[in-house]
Amino acid sequence: MGLILLEALLALVVLVAIVWWTMFSGRKGGEPPPAPPPPDSEPEDTDTKK
């Protein structure tokens, strides 16, 4: 019984380590800011009443 609990605890530790690694081990400055739209593009007209 103790061996099963030890194995379950080890599996939980591995799971937590994988989740931590994927969430918090990224770029030093975080994600880069989104790219600005190209200067020659015009905003879309969403007004349907003309």
Protein backbone atom coordinates (compact mmCIF):
# COMPACT_ATOMS: atom_id res chain seq x y z
CA MET A 1 0.00 0.00 0.00
CA GLY A 2 2.81 2.40 0.86
CA LEU A 3 4.53 1.71 -2.45
CA ILE A 4 1.36 2.61 -4.38
CA LEU A 5 1.03 5.90 -2.51
CA LEU A 6 4.70 6.68 -3.12
CA GLU A 7 4.28 6.01 -6.84
CA ALA A 8 1.16 8.21 -6.97
CA LEU A 9 3.01 11.01 -5.18
CA LEU A 10 5.90 10.73 -7.62
CA ALA A 11 3.49 10.87 -10.57
CA LEU A 12 1.87 13.98 -9.09
CA VAL A 13 5.25 15.66 -8.65
CA VAL A 14 6.17 14.88 -12.26
CA LEU A 15 2.83 16.28 -13.46
CA VAL A 16 3.25 19.49 -11.46
CA ALA A 17 6.82 19.86 -12.77
CA ILE A 18 5.66 19.49 -16.38
CA VAL A 19 2.86 22.04 -15.91
CA TRP A 20 5.21 24.50 -14.20
CA TRP A 21 7.80 24.08 -16.95
CA THR A 22 5.32 24.73 -19.74
CA MET A 23 3.71 27.73 -18.03
CA PHE A 24 6.64 29.60 -16.51
CA SER A 25 9.75 28.64 -18.47
CA GLY A 26 9.39 30.92 -21.46
CA ARG A 27 11.09 33.96 -22.83
CA LYS A 28 12.82 36.26 -20.36
CA GLY A 29 10.73 39.27 -21.42
CA GLY A 30 7.51 37.39 -21.99
CA GLU A 31 5.69 37.29 -25.30
CA PRO A 32 6.62 39.91 -27.92
CA PRO A 33 4.07 42.66 -28.57
CA PRO A 34 1.74 42.13 -31.55
CA ALA A 35 2.95 43.47 -34.87
CA PRO A 36 1.38 46.76 -35.96
CA PRO A 37 -0.83 46.63 -39.07
CA PRO A 38 0.83 47.51 -42.37
CA PRO A 39 0.70 51.28 -43.10
CA ASP A 40 -1.09 50.87 -46.46
CA SER A 41 -4.06 48.95 -45.03
CA GLU A 42 -7.34 50.79 -44.51
CA PRO A 43 -9.67 50.02 -41.61
CA GLU A 44 -12.67 47.94 -42.60
CA ASP A 45 -16.01 49.71 -42.73
CA THR A 46 -18.31 47.94 -40.26
CA ASP A 47 -21.15 50.39 -40.64
CA THR A 48 -23.96 48.64 -42.54
CA LYS A 49 -26.24 51.71 -42.69
CA LYS A 50 -25.38 53.89 -45.70
